Amino acid sequence: MTRGRKRAVLAVGIVVFVGIVVAAVVVLWPKAGSAAQTDPNAAADAYLTAFGAGDAKATGALTDAPAAATAQLTSVWQGLHPKSVQAVRVSEVQGTTAPIRIVWELGDHEWTYDSKLSLVKNGDGWLVHWAPALIHPKLKTGQTLRMRTQTGTDAVLDRDGKALLTWTANGPKAVDSSVAPLLLDGMARVAEDQGTKQAGAWHVALVDKLGKELATLYKGGDSGDPVPALHSTLDRGLQKAAQDAVDSVGKPAELIAIVPSTGDIVAVAQNKAAGKDAKVLHGLYPPGSTFKIVTSTAAFGSGEATASTVRPCPGEATVGTRHIRNEGFELGDVPLHEAFAHSCNTTFAALAKDLPTDALPDAASSLGLGADFAVPGITTVTGAVPPAGSSDEQVEDGIGQGKVVVSPFGMALVCATVQSGKAVTPRLWTGGGPKTAVQQDYQPPSASVLGPLRPMMREVVTGGTAKGLRGSGTVFGKTGTAQFGDGSHSHGWFAGYRGDLAFAVLVTDAGSSSVAVSVTGEFLSGAD
């Protein structure tokens, strides 16, 4: 989906319990709170029938400790996810005990073992004496059974082969929870999902109340081989640089970096002020003047202008019915590339007004805004650029206000497309890991359009609004100041690329783009 959030849903199956009782006589068990069975064999059979049906409440009601039995039975059945379970009495009750056999159907395997139950008098009737060993001989109070993947191996690696998550008794856990915290939960879900698909890679574990594994009671499959580690695209060095950069400011800050040649997502970061939800991947914001990349693409593609076309850049102007102003400057008549470098709103508002009605949406689409990807482990949204409903709306859209919205992920994709000249498919996994599904693809602009756009983005750094990055290498990009709310507040943007690394930085409510430029400089310094 391209609007709203996509939630990754990992199918773990619907637990279905089927009770099968091998006995000469079918015995009905009482409801919770009813009288005990008057015959010890009938009491045993009623308990086993309820157990086999997966009815924790009915099973617990046939014991002398209904609450404790119900709670532990529920925990075990939730932990094992059986297809079915059979529970039978293998001989008559002798005195107050009876041998029993339990068969769990787990996946394609049957786990069978023997146990015994004890009975106690309850007035004129009989109840099963509750003990956790009724479920399994080794089970004790406070413990439960869990279906687990193999432990002690790496679950997810970074792009250099170092462990990000390892298998533990509780599933995949982060080696360092401070590294890419926005990605860890999703990576763990993907690893769990991959693990459950590996034949012979699971076992039944006896665990304590904290989930610590105490013993392996049964191994599924023939080999029990460890689950192969998944290889992610995350670059630990770039991730640290990104996190340090966003942490350097007090305002909410977000940063994402993508490798244009491969689509590898190498860094995803937000500071604490931005919250725990990964807005950097799917949050939608007005792009401000970063959208002039799109407007320029539309102008070049439609033939409305070239990089050398001379256009007026007054300090303020009325375009249609909209009053447009610059941030305290005017340039006079200048070529479009100079107006772009200095982010002249009046120039680009007038340029947008003269464009065909479909030019901005088409240009945005060609740069990846509106493309849709299902990247296993994360939720991504690029943005939305609907056709303008009027000439005035098109004026506003042309300078990144109006109804256009983008995510930092989307703007990083735009810059990756400009750098590479091709449609970029973002990915989080390499090797044999799960692949990105392209749900809405896009066709990049022609070389004749991107050719003049790249030097314009370079001029932004060498002599325009991002001169603060002149010491950060050969950086190409565009600044943006995007008003929101009542217009008295604005976000700060910088989106660009250096070599085979595209990125986008957003600092919300920053007041100007200068803070985003500063964060970008910190990131690139750490990335060296």
Protein backbone atom coordinates (compact mmCIF):
# COMPACT_ATOMS: atom_id res chain seq x y z
CA MET A 1 0.00 0.00 0.00
CA THR A 2 1.21 3.49 -0.69
CA ARG A 3 -0.93 5.39 1.80
CA GLY A 4 -1.00 4.53 5.49
CA ARG A 5 1.02 1.91 7.19
CA LYS A 6 1.58 -1.69 6.28
CA ARG A 7 1.84 -4.04 9.19
CA ALA A 8 3.99 -7.09 8.83
CA VAL A 9 1.95 -10.07 9.89
CA LEU A 10 3.85 -13.29 10.54
CA ALA A 11 1.57 -16.29 10.26
CA VAL A 12 2.04 -18.63 13.18
CA GLY A 13 -1.02 -20.73 12.43
CA ILE A 14 -4.33 -21.32 14.08
CA VAL A 15 -4.11 -23.67 17.01
CA VAL A 16 -6.61 -26.45 16.64
CA PHE A 17 -7.10 -29.06 19.31
CA VAL A 18 -8.66 -32.40 18.52
CA GLY A 19 -9.22 -34.80 21.35
CA ILE A 20 -9.11 -38.52 20.70
CA VAL A 21 -9.70 -40.95 23.47
CA VAL A 22 -9.04 -44.66 23.16
CA ALA A 23 -11.38 -46.23 25.67
CA ALA A 24 -14.11 -48.82 25.73
CA VAL A 25 -16.70 -46.37 27.00
CA VAL A 26 -17.07 -42.67 26.12
CA VAL A 27 -17.48 -40.75 29.34
CA LEU A 28 -18.86 -37.20 29.48
CA TRP A 29 -17.01 -34.85 31.82
CA PRO A 30 -18.72 -32.34 34.06
CA LYS A 31 -18.63 -28.59 33.62
CA ALA A 32 -16.38 -26.53 35.85
CA GLY A 33 -17.72 -26.45 39.35
CA SER A 34 -19.96 -29.54 38.99
CA ALA A 35 -19.73 -32.69 41.07
CA ALA A 36 -16.76 -35.05 40.73
CA GLN A 37 -17.08 -38.38 38.93
CA THR A 38 -18.28 -41.21 41.15
CA ASP A 39 -15.92 -43.77 39.60
CA PRO A 40 -12.11 -43.32 39.49
CA ASN A 41 -11.83 -44.72 35.92
CA ALA A 42 -14.58 -42.37 34.78
CA ALA A 43 -12.82 -39.48 36.51
CA ALA A 44 -9.56 -40.32 34.73
CA ASP A 45 -11.27 -40.68 31.35
CA ALA A 46 -13.17 -37.44 31.75
CA TYR A 47 -9.94 -35.59 32.52
CA LEU A 48 -8.14 -37.15 29.53
CA THR A 49 -11.01 -36.37 27.18
CA ALA A 50 -11.02 -32.72 28.23
CA PHE A 51 -7.23 -32.62 27.96
CA GLY A 52 -7.38 -34.06 24.45
CA ALA A 53 -9.96 -31.48 23.45
CA GLY A 54 -7.60 -28.68 24.43
CA ASP A 55 -10.15 -27.24 26.86
CA ALA A 56 -8.03 -25.89 29.70
CA LYS A 57 -10.97 -24.73 31.78
CA ALA A 58 -12.87 -28.02 31.53
CA THR A 59 -9.68 -29.98 32.22
CA GLY A 60 -8.83 -27.87 35.24
CA ALA A 61 -12.36 -28.26 36.64
CA LEU A 62 -11.81 -32.01 36.89
CA THR A 63 -8.82 -31.53 39.22
CA ASP A 64 -8.45 -30.58 42.86
CA ALA A 65 -6.69 -27.30 41.83
CA PRO A 66 -8.78 -25.83 39.01
CA ALA A 67 -7.13 -22.39 38.81
CA ALA A 68 -3.53 -23.64 38.83
CA ALA A 69 -4.31 -26.42 36.37
CA THR A 70 -6.14 -24.12 33.94
CA ALA A 71 -3.33 -21.56 33.95
CA GLN A 72 -0.54 -24.07 33.33
CA LEU A 73 -2.47 -26.04 30.72
CA THR A 74 -3.24 -22.83 28.82
CA SER A 75 0.41 -21.82 28.88
CA VAL A 76 1.57 -25.18 27.54
CA TRP A 77 -0.95 -25.35 24.73
CA GLN A 78 -0.12 -21.79 23.68
CA GLY A 79 3.58 -22.63 23.73
CA LEU A 80 3.36 -25.79 21.64
CA HIS A 81 0.77 -24.82 18.99
CA PRO A 82 -0.19 -28.49 18.40
CA LYS A 83 -2.27 -29.66 15.46
CA SER A 84 -3.89 -32.09 17.87
CA VAL A 85 -3.25 -33.97 21.09
CA GLN A 86 -4.33 -37.44 22.16
CA ALA A 87 -4.51 -38.44 25.81
CA VAL A 88 -5.44 -42.01 26.80
CA ARG A 89 -5.51 -44.29 29.82
CA VAL A 90 -3.53 -47.42 28.98
CA SER A 91 -4.94 -49.60 31.81
CA GLU A 92 -7.43 -49.59 34.64
CA VAL A 93 -6.89 -47.41 37.67
CA GLN A 94 -4.91 -49.34 40.22
CA GLY A 95 -5.67 -47.97 43.67
CA THR A 96 -5.50 -44.23 43.00
CA THR A 97 -3.13 -44.11 40.03
CA ALA A 98 -3.40 -44.84 36.33
CA PRO A 99 -0.76 -44.98 33.58
CA ILE A 100 -1.48 -42.66 30.66
CA ARG A 101 -0.04 -41.93 27.22
CA ILE A 102 0.07 -38.49 25.58
CA VAL A 103 0.66 -37.92 21.86
CA TRP A 104 1.21 -34.36 20.58
CA GLU A 105 0.98 -33.76 16.84
CA LEU A 106 3.52 -30.99 16.23
CA GLY A 107 3.95 -30.05 12.61
CA ASP A 108 4.69 -33.28 10.75
CA HIS A 109 5.86 -35.09 13.88
CA GLU A 110 4.28 -37.00 16.74
CA TRP A 111 5.78 -36.60 20.19
CA THR A 112 4.74 -39.52 22.39
CA TYR A 113 5.53 -40.21 26.02
CA ASP A 114 4.03 -41.97 29.06
CA SER A 115 3.05 -40.49 32.37
CA LYS A 116 0.59 -41.24 35.14
CA LEU A 117 -2.18 -39.52 36.98
CA SER A 118 -3.39 -39.79 40.55
CA LEU A 119 -6.93 -39.48 41.83
CA VAL A 120 -8.29 -38.19 45.12
CA LYS A 121 -11.65 -38.60 46.81
CA ASN A 122 -13.93 -35.62 46.75
CA GLY A 123 -16.95 -36.37 48.90
CA ASP A 124 -18.68 -39.23 47.17
CA GLY A 125 -16.75 -38.76 43.96
CA TRP A 126 -13.26 -38.55 42.49
CA LEU A 127 -11.07 -35.79 41.10
CA VAL A 128 -7.69 -35.88 39.41
CA HIS A 129 -4.96 -34.72 41.75
CA TRP A 130 -3.34 -31.80 39.99
CA ALA A 131 0.41 -31.79 39.38
CA PRO A 132 2.31 -30.22 36.45
CA ALA A 133 3.76 -33.68 35.77
CA LEU A 134 0.35 -34.64 34.41
CA ILE A 135 1.30 -32.63 31.30
CA HIS A 136 4.88 -33.95 31.18
CA PRO A 137 6.83 -35.90 33.83
CA LYS A 138 9.58 -33.23 33.98
CA LEU A 139 7.25 -30.23 34.21
CA LYS A 140 7.08 -28.41 37.55
CA THR A 141 5.16 -25.49 38.99
CA GLY A 142 6.12 -22.20 37.34
CA GLN A 143 7.48 -23.92 34.25
CA THR A 144 6.00 -24.45 30.79
CA LEU A 145 6.74 -26.01 27.41
CA ARG A 146 7.70 -24.04 24.33
CA MET A 147 8.38 -24.85 20.71
CA ARG A 148 11.79 -23.33 19.97
CA THR A 149 14.22 -23.03 17.09
CA GLN A 150 17.76 -24.22 17.65
CA THR A 151 19.77 -22.05 20.03
CA GLY A 152 23.34 -20.88 20.32
CA THR A 153 23.80 -19.68 16.73
CA ASP A 154 23.68 -16.30 15.03
CA ALA A 155 20.24 -15.31 13.77
CA VAL A 156 20.92 -12.09 11.82
CA LEU A 157 24.24 -10.70 10.61
CA ASP A 158 25.18 -7.23 9.39
CA ARG A 159 26.65 -6.68 5.91
CA ASP A 160 30.13 -7.48 7.27
CA GLY A 161 29.05 -10.81 8.77
CA LYS A 162 28.96 -9.70 12.40
CA ALA A 163 26.04 -10.82 14.56
CA LEU A 164 23.18 -8.39 15.13
CA LEU A 165 20.86 -10.97 16.69
CA THR A 166 21.55 -14.45 18.05
CA TRP A 167 19.26 -17.36 18.84
CA THR A 168 18.45 -17.70 22.52
CA ALA A 169 15.96 -19.76 24.51
CA ASN A 170 13.52 -16.91 23.95
CA GLY A 171 14.10 -16.64 20.20
CA PRO A 172 16.31 -14.12 18.36
CA LYS A 173 17.73 -11.44 20.64
CA ALA A 174 19.87 -8.40 19.85
CA VAL A 175 23.55 -8.60 20.63
CA ASP A 176 23.45 -4.85 21.31
CA SER A 177 19.99 -3.27 21.61
CA SER A 178 21.44 0.19 20.86
CA VAL A 179 22.40 -0.82 17.31
CA ALA A 180 19.56 -0.06 14.85
CA PRO A 181 16.78 -0.24 17.46
CA LEU A 182 14.16 0.65 14.82
CA LEU A 183 15.00 -2.53 12.91
CA LEU A 184 15.57 -5.14 15.61
CA ASP A 185 11.99 -6.23 16.27
CA GLY A 186 11.25 -6.61 12.58
CA MET A 187 14.49 -8.50 12.00
CA ALA A 188 13.64 -10.84 14.88
CA ARG A 189 10.20 -11.55 13.39
CA VAL A 190 11.74 -12.35 10.02
CA ALA A 191 14.32 -14.63 11.64
CA GLU A 192 11.61 -16.44 13.62
CA ASP A 193 9.53 -16.85 10.47
CA GLN A 194 12.49 -18.20 8.52
CA GLY A 195 13.41 -20.47 11.40
CA THR A 196 10.00 -22.11 11.59
CA LYS A 197 10.29 -22.95 7.88
CA GLN A 198 13.55 -24.87 8.36
CA ALA A 199 12.93 -28.62 8.49
CA GLY A 200 14.46 -30.21 11.57
CA ALA A 201 15.30 -26.85 13.12
CA TRP A 202 12.93 -26.84 16.10
CA HIS A 203 12.59 -28.54 19.45
CA VAL A 204 10.32 -28.64 22.48
CA ALA A 205 11.95 -26.85 25.37
CA LEU A 206 11.23 -26.96 29.09
CA VAL A 207 11.47 -23.32 30.21
CA ASP A 208 11.13 -21.45 33.49
CA LYS A 209 8.81 -18.52 34.22
CA LEU A 210 11.35 -16.09 32.72
CA GLY A 211 11.57 -18.10 29.51
CA LYS A 212 15.01 -19.55 30.24
CA GLU A 213 15.48 -22.92 28.63
CA LEU A 214 16.09 -25.70 31.15
CA ALA A 215 16.05 -28.79 28.96
CA THR A 216 15.27 -30.06 25.48
CA LEU A 217 12.46 -32.61 25.67
CA TYR A 218 11.99 -33.38 21.99
CA LYS A 219 13.71 -32.53 18.69
CA GLY A 220 11.65 -32.15 15.55
CA GLY A 221 13.01 -33.39 12.23
CA ASP A 222 15.90 -35.73 11.58
CA SER A 223 18.93 -33.48 11.95
CA GLY A 224 18.07 -30.66 14.31
CA ASP A 225 20.55 -28.49 12.40
CA PRO A 226 20.81 -24.84 13.44
CA VAL A 227 18.87 -22.29 11.40
CA PRO A 228 21.19 -20.58 8.89
CA ALA A 229 21.88 -16.95 9.79
CA LEU A 230 20.19 -14.28 7.72
CA HIS A 231 22.40 -11.64 6.13
CA SER A 232 21.10 -8.09 6.43
CA THR A 233 22.21 -5.02 4.51
CA LEU A 234 22.81 -2.96 7.65
CA ASP A 235 26.25 -1.37 7.87
CA ARG A 236 27.24 -1.10 11.51
CA GLY A 237 29.64 1.78 10.91
CA LEU A 238 27.14 3.82 8.90
CA GLN A 239 24.42 3.03 11.40
CA LYS A 240 26.56 4.36 14.24
CA ALA A 241 27.35 7.48 12.23
CA ALA A 242 23.65 7.99 11.54
CA GLN A 243 22.63 7.48 15.15
CA ASP A 244 25.36 9.79 16.45
CA ALA A 245 24.28 12.42 13.92
CA VAL A 246 20.59 12.45 14.88
CA ASP A 247 21.53 12.32 18.56
CA SER A 248 23.54 15.52 18.11
CA VAL A 249 20.37 17.65 18.03
CA GLY A 250 17.56 18.14 20.52
CA LYS A 251 14.74 18.41 17.99
CA PRO A 252 13.19 15.20 16.60
CA ALA A 253 15.59 14.00 13.89
CA GLU A 254 15.43 11.15 11.37
CA LEU A 255 18.02 9.80 8.91
CA ILE A 256 18.07 6.97 6.39
CA ALA A 257 20.82 5.89 3.99
CA ILE A 258 20.50 3.65 0.91
CA VAL A 259 23.11 2.33 -1.53
CA PRO A 260 21.85 3.33 -5.02
CA SER A 261 23.67 0.57 -6.91
CA THR A 262 22.05 -2.24 -4.90
CA GLY A 263 19.15 -0.71 -2.97
CA ASP A 264 20.75 -1.83 0.30
CA ILE A 265 19.31 -0.05 3.33
CA VAL A 266 22.47 0.54 5.33
CA ALA A 267 21.37 2.92 8.11
CA VAL A 268 18.04 3.81 9.73
CA ALA A 269 18.11 6.18 12.70
CA GLN A 270 15.96 8.44 14.85
CA ASN A 271 16.79 10.21 18.08
CA LYS A 272 14.75 9.81 21.28
CA ALA A 273 12.85 13.01 20.60
CA ALA A 274 11.46 11.43 17.42
CA GLY A 275 9.95 8.52 19.36
CA LYS A 276 10.10 4.76 18.89
CA ASP A 277 7.83 4.45 15.87
CA ALA A 278 9.92 4.30 12.67
CA LYS A 279 8.66 7.55 11.16
CA VAL A 280 11.83 7.73 9.08
CA LEU A 281 10.49 4.79 7.05
CA HIS A 282 6.82 5.65 6.73
CA GLY A 283 6.05 9.03 8.28
CA LEU A 284 4.71 11.54 5.75
CA TYR A 285 5.71 15.21 5.80
CA PRO A 286 5.65 18.20 3.42
CA PRO A 287 8.99 18.10 1.58
CA GLY A 288 9.49 21.83 1.19
CA SER A 289 12.21 22.82 -1.26
CA THR A 290 13.65 19.32 -1.55
CA PHE A 291 10.69 18.87 -3.89
CA LYS A 292 12.36 21.24 -6.33
CA ILE A 293 14.25 18.14 -7.48
CA VAL A 294 10.87 16.88 -8.72
CA THR A 295 9.81 20.25 -10.13
CA SER A 296 13.08 20.51 -12.07
CA THR A 297 12.62 16.97 -13.37
CA ALA A 298 9.11 17.90 -14.53
CA ALA A 299 10.34 21.08 -16.23
CA PHE A 300 13.15 19.30 -18.07
CA GLY A 301 10.95 16.37 -19.07
CA SER A 302 8.14 18.56 -20.40
CA GLY A 303 10.49 20.90 -22.24
CA GLU A 304 9.30 23.88 -20.19
CA ALA A 305 12.83 24.83 -19.16
CA THR A 306 16.47 23.77 -19.08
CA ALA A 307 19.10 24.30 -16.43
CA SER A 308 20.26 27.37 -18.33
CA THR A 309 16.82 28.94 -18.85
CA VAL A 310 16.85 32.42 -17.33
CA ARG A 311 13.99 33.09 -14.95
CA PRO A 312 13.25 35.99 -12.58
CA CYS A 313 13.86 35.48 -8.86
CA PRO A 314 12.20 38.41 -7.06
CA GLY A 315 12.11 38.49 -3.27
CA GLU A 316 8.36 37.99 -3.35
CA ALA A 317 5.70 37.58 -6.00
CA THR A 318 2.03 36.83 -6.53
CA VAL A 319 1.70 33.67 -8.61
CA GLY A 320 -1.93 33.06 -9.49
CA THR A 321 -3.64 34.00 -6.24
CA ARG A 322 -0.78 32.80 -4.04
CA HIS A 323 1.67 35.22 -2.46
CA ILE A 324 5.12 33.59 -2.55
CA ARG A 325 8.27 34.89 -0.90
CA ASN A 326 11.87 33.85 -0.45
CA GLU A 327 13.78 33.68 2.80
CA GLY A 328 14.95 37.31 2.74
CA PHE A 329 16.71 37.40 -0.66
CA GLU A 330 16.22 38.13 -4.34
CA LEU A 331 18.49 37.29 -7.27
CA GLY A 332 17.02 39.13 -10.22
CA ASP A 333 17.04 37.28 -13.52
CA VAL A 334 19.17 34.13 -13.17
CA PRO A 335 19.56 30.75 -14.87
CA LEU A 336 17.42 28.01 -13.34
CA HIS A 337 20.41 26.16 -11.89
CA GLU A 338 21.30 29.23 -9.82
CA ALA A 339 17.71 29.65 -8.63
CA PHE A 340 17.79 25.97 -7.63
CA ALA A 341 21.07 26.31 -5.73
CA HIS A 342 19.72 29.25 -3.70
CA SER A 343 16.24 27.70 -3.41
CA CYS A 344 14.30 30.54 -4.97
CA ASN A 345 10.63 29.91 -4.18
CA THR A 346 9.34 32.64 -6.47
CA THR A 347 11.14 31.14 -9.46
CA PHE A 348 9.91 27.62 -8.88
CA ALA A 349 6.36 28.62 -8.00
CA ALA A 350 6.07 30.43 -11.34
CA LEU A 351 7.74 27.49 -13.10
CA ALA A 352 5.26 25.03 -11.57
CA LYS A 353 2.30 27.17 -12.65
CA ASP A 354 3.34 26.85 -16.29
CA LEU A 355 3.76 23.05 -16.22
CA PRO A 356 1.21 20.60 -17.66
CA THR A 357 -1.17 19.33 -14.98
CA ASP A 358 0.29 15.83 -15.00
CA ALA A 359 3.94 16.92 -15.07
CA LEU A 360 4.58 17.00 -11.29
CA PRO A 361 2.86 13.66 -10.48
CA ASP A 362 4.63 11.99 -13.42
CA ALA A 363 8.03 13.39 -12.44
CA ALA A 364 7.51 12.34 -8.80
CA SER A 365 6.55 8.84 -9.91
CA SER A 366 9.65 8.57 -12.12
CA LEU A 367 11.81 9.33 -9.09
CA GLY A 368 10.14 6.69 -6.89
CA LEU A 369 7.55 8.73 -5.00
CA GLY A 370 4.46 6.55 -5.11
CA ALA A 371 6.41 3.32 -5.62
CA ASP A 372 5.47 0.63 -3.14
CA PHE A 373 7.68 -2.09 -1.68
CA ALA A 374 7.06 -4.91 0.76
CA VAL A 375 10.43 -5.14 2.50
CA PRO A 376 10.34 -8.06 4.98
CA GLY A 377 10.81 -6.79 8.52
CA ILE A 378 9.96 -3.12 7.99
CA THR A 379 7.06 -0.92 6.91
CA THR A 380 7.90 1.62 4.21
CA VAL A 381 5.90 4.35 2.50
CA THR A 382 7.50 6.63 -0.12
CA GLY A 383 5.00 9.47 -0.41
CA ALA A 384 2.05 10.80 -2.38
CA VAL A 385 1.91 13.42 -5.11
CA PRO A 386 -1.70 13.67 -6.30
CA PRO A 387 -2.63 15.75 -9.34
CA ALA A 388 -3.28 19.36 -8.34
CA GLY A 389 -6.92 20.32 -8.19
CA SER A 390 -6.21 23.83 -9.42
CA SER A 391 -3.48 26.10 -10.73
CA ASP A 392 -3.00 27.52 -7.24
CA GLU A 393 -2.51 24.04 -5.79
CA GLN A 394 0.09 23.32 -8.47
CA VAL A 395 1.96 26.47 -7.47
CA GLU A 396 2.09 25.26 -3.87
CA ASP A 397 3.01 21.71 -4.86
CA GLY A 398 5.89 23.00 -6.99
CA ILE A 399 7.70 24.30 -3.89
CA GLY A 400 6.91 21.25 -1.75
CA GLN A 401 3.95 22.61 0.14
CA GLY A 402 0.34 22.07 -0.96
CA LYS A 403 -0.82 18.46 -0.83
CA VAL A 404 2.43 16.66 -1.60
CA VAL A 405 3.89 14.55 1.20
CA VAL A 406 6.98 12.36 1.41
CA SER A 407 8.84 10.24 3.93
CA PRO A 408 12.59 10.45 4.54
CA PHE A 409 12.69 6.95 3.03
CA GLY A 410 10.97 8.32 -0.07
CA MET A 411 13.39 11.25 -0.44
CA ALA A 412 16.39 8.94 -0.02
CA LEU A 413 14.92 6.81 -2.81
CA VAL A 414 14.55 9.93 -4.99
CA CYS A 415 18.23 10.75 -4.52
CA ALA A 416 19.27 7.14 -5.11
CA THR A 417 17.36 7.24 -8.40
CA VAL A 418 19.05 10.50 -9.47
CA GLN A 419 22.48 9.11 -8.60
CA SER A 420 22.05 5.71 -10.29
CA GLY A 421 19.81 6.67 -13.19
CA LYS A 422 17.73 3.56 -12.61
CA ALA A 423 14.75 2.39 -10.59
CA VAL A 424 16.07 1.31 -7.19
CA THR A 425 14.51 -1.57 -5.26
CA PRO A 426 15.27 -1.12 -1.57
CA ARG A 427 16.19 -4.25 0.35
CA LEU A 428 17.10 -5.25 3.90
CA TRP A 429 18.30 -8.79 3.17
CA THR A 430 20.91 -10.35 0.90
CA GLY A 431 21.97 -13.89 0.05
CA GLY A 432 19.24 -16.40 0.74
CA GLY A 433 17.20 -13.98 2.83
CA PRO A 434 13.65 -12.92 2.00
CA LYS A 435 13.37 -10.66 -1.02
CA THR A 436 11.61 -7.33 -1.39
CA ALA A 437 8.32 -7.60 -3.23
CA VAL A 438 7.79 -4.71 -5.66
CA GLN A 439 4.08 -3.95 -5.40
CA GLN A 440 4.22 -0.75 -7.45
CA ASP A 441 7.29 -0.18 -9.61
CA TYR A 442 8.47 2.95 -11.43
CA GLN A 443 10.42 4.00 -14.50
CA PRO A 444 13.30 6.46 -13.91
CA PRO A 445 13.74 9.75 -15.79
CA SER A 446 15.78 9.72 -18.97
CA ALA A 447 19.49 10.47 -19.01
CA SER A 448 18.74 13.76 -20.74
CA VAL A 449 16.74 14.83 -17.68
CA LEU A 450 19.06 13.52 -14.98
CA GLY A 451 22.20 14.77 -16.73
CA PRO A 452 21.57 18.48 -16.00
CA LEU A 453 19.90 17.78 -12.64
CA ARG A 454 23.00 16.30 -11.01
CA PRO A 455 25.24 19.38 -11.40
CA MET A 456 22.38 21.52 -10.08
CA MET A 457 22.34 19.39 -6.93
CA ARG A 458 26.10 19.71 -6.68
CA GLU A 459 25.85 23.52 -6.95
CA VAL A 460 23.56 23.54 -3.90
CA VAL A 461 26.62 22.45 -1.89
CA THR A 462 29.38 24.33 -3.66
CA GLY A 463 27.67 27.70 -3.74
CA GLY A 464 24.09 27.45 -2.53
CA THR A 465 22.06 26.74 0.58
CA ALA A 466 24.16 23.77 1.73
CA LYS A 467 27.61 25.39 1.69
CA GLY A 468 28.11 23.93 5.16
CA LEU A 469 28.78 20.58 3.46
CA ARG A 470 31.60 21.79 1.23
CA GLY A 471 34.11 20.05 3.50
CA SER A 472 32.20 16.74 3.41
CA GLY A 473 33.42 15.47 0.06
CA THR A 474 31.65 15.55 -3.28
CA VAL A 475 28.09 15.89 -1.99
CA PHE A 476 25.03 16.45 -4.19
CA GLY A 477 21.68 17.40 -2.71
CA LYS A 478 18.91 19.82 -1.93
CA THR A 479 17.86 21.63 1.22
CA GLY A 480 14.26 22.14 2.22
CA THR A 481 12.29 24.23 4.69
CA ALA A 482 8.71 22.98 4.89
CA GLN A 483 6.00 24.91 6.68
CA PHE A 484 3.33 22.99 8.54
CA GLY A 485 0.35 23.67 10.78
CA ASP A 486 -0.58 27.35 10.77
CA GLY A 487 2.56 28.18 8.82
CA SER A 488 4.49 29.56 11.76
CA HIS A 489 6.57 26.38 12.16
CA SER A 490 8.70 24.52 9.67
CA HIS A 491 10.66 21.32 9.24
CA GLY A 492 14.25 21.23 8.01
CA TRP A 493 15.39 18.83 5.27
CA PHE A 494 18.48 17.79 3.42
CA ALA A 495 18.37 15.00 0.84
CA GLY A 496 21.27 14.00 -1.35
CA TYR A 497 24.05 11.58 -2.13
CA ARG A 498 27.80 11.17 -2.00
CA GLY A 499 29.35 8.46 -4.12
CA ASP A 500 27.28 5.29 -3.87
CA LEU A 501 25.39 6.48 -0.81
CA ALA A 502 22.04 8.29 -0.92
CA PHE A 503 20.44 9.71 2.21
CA ALA A 504 17.73 11.93 3.59
CA VAL A 505 17.69 13.89 6.84
CA LEU A 506 14.63 15.44 8.45
CA VAL A 507 14.62 17.56 11.60
CA THR A 508 11.02 18.33 12.53
CA ASP A 509 10.05 21.80 13.75
CA ALA A 510 13.64 22.91 13.16
CA GLY A 511 12.70 26.32 11.75
CA SER A 512 15.09 26.04 8.80
CA SER A 513 17.16 23.57 6.79
CA SER A 514 20.41 24.57 8.52
CA VAL A 515 19.98 22.00 11.32
CA ALA A 516 19.40 19.21 8.77
CA VAL A 517 22.55 20.31 6.92
CA SER A 518 24.46 20.14 10.20
CA VAL A 519 23.13 16.63 10.95
CA THR A 520 24.11 15.55 7.44
CA GLY A 521 27.62 16.87 7.98
CA GLU A 522 27.90 14.90 11.24
CA PHE A 523 26.73 11.76 9.44
CA LEU A 524 29.13 12.10 6.52
CA SER A 525 32.00 12.83 8.88
CA GLY A 526 31.28 9.63 10.77
CA ALA A 527 30.86 7.72 7.50
CA ASP A 528 34.37 8.58 6.28
